[in-house]
């Protein structure tokens, strides 16, 4: 079981200065730049990514080869995630994710799919779960590895950086938070989640399909049509809806046979 209240947010840091120190060393930037970027990101979420998108010359809300390269190289998401994970709203969703896993999971093998700087992976590893962290290689995954090392959990977390290396029918839980709005084929990702899960496995999901806004330029306009339809997408791919928290954050699904018509 995970303690719902002690393991939320950036629980592995005792004070803000530890965060600044880790980012300064890992991103190889001046401490003053780290502090300034965190400050402006705290004023308005999305500031760092929006500026990086402009500098990179991306077309906002459109996935193409240039955006793919952006994901591989930018450290902007590190700052966004650090700040978001300190906000009370995110901590509440952390509690709900923990609660849903404690209530519905039938095992302890967890895949954190698209886990960015590694917060969910770290949380469940510290609680004794068998965790697989997935994120593409880049600054975010580098920060995650540094966090795993400093908390001595790297031996309890398997890290995978290529989708083809994620095993099928292995996991009791897949946690997928704020990923689907970024990908060019959400139904395809949902189908993959079905394959990653073992029989009657659990999917815990949040998304922001509707938030195609100036401050979130990597949320894809092509996915806006899925807003309010996430439960339908998962049911169509072979899931049963178990629970829906306020604001659908998260939605909780159980894998079933695709021939099971009672899921509708």
Foldseek 3Di string as FASTA:
>chain_A
DFDLQCQAFPNLDPDPVVVLVLCCVLVVDDSVVSVVLLVVCLVPPLPQVLVLCVVLVHDFQDDDPSVVVCQAEDPSVVSNRNNVRPDPVRSVLSSVVVVCCVPQFPAQEEEEAQCFQQSVVVRSLVVPGQYEYEAAHYSRVSNNVVSCVVVVSPVRYHYDHDLVPQAFQDGQEYEYEADLQQDPDNLVVLLSVLRSHHAFHKYKYDYDLCPSDSSRRSRHPVSVVCVPPPLVSNVQSAWAFDDADVVCSDTMITGDDNPPPVSD
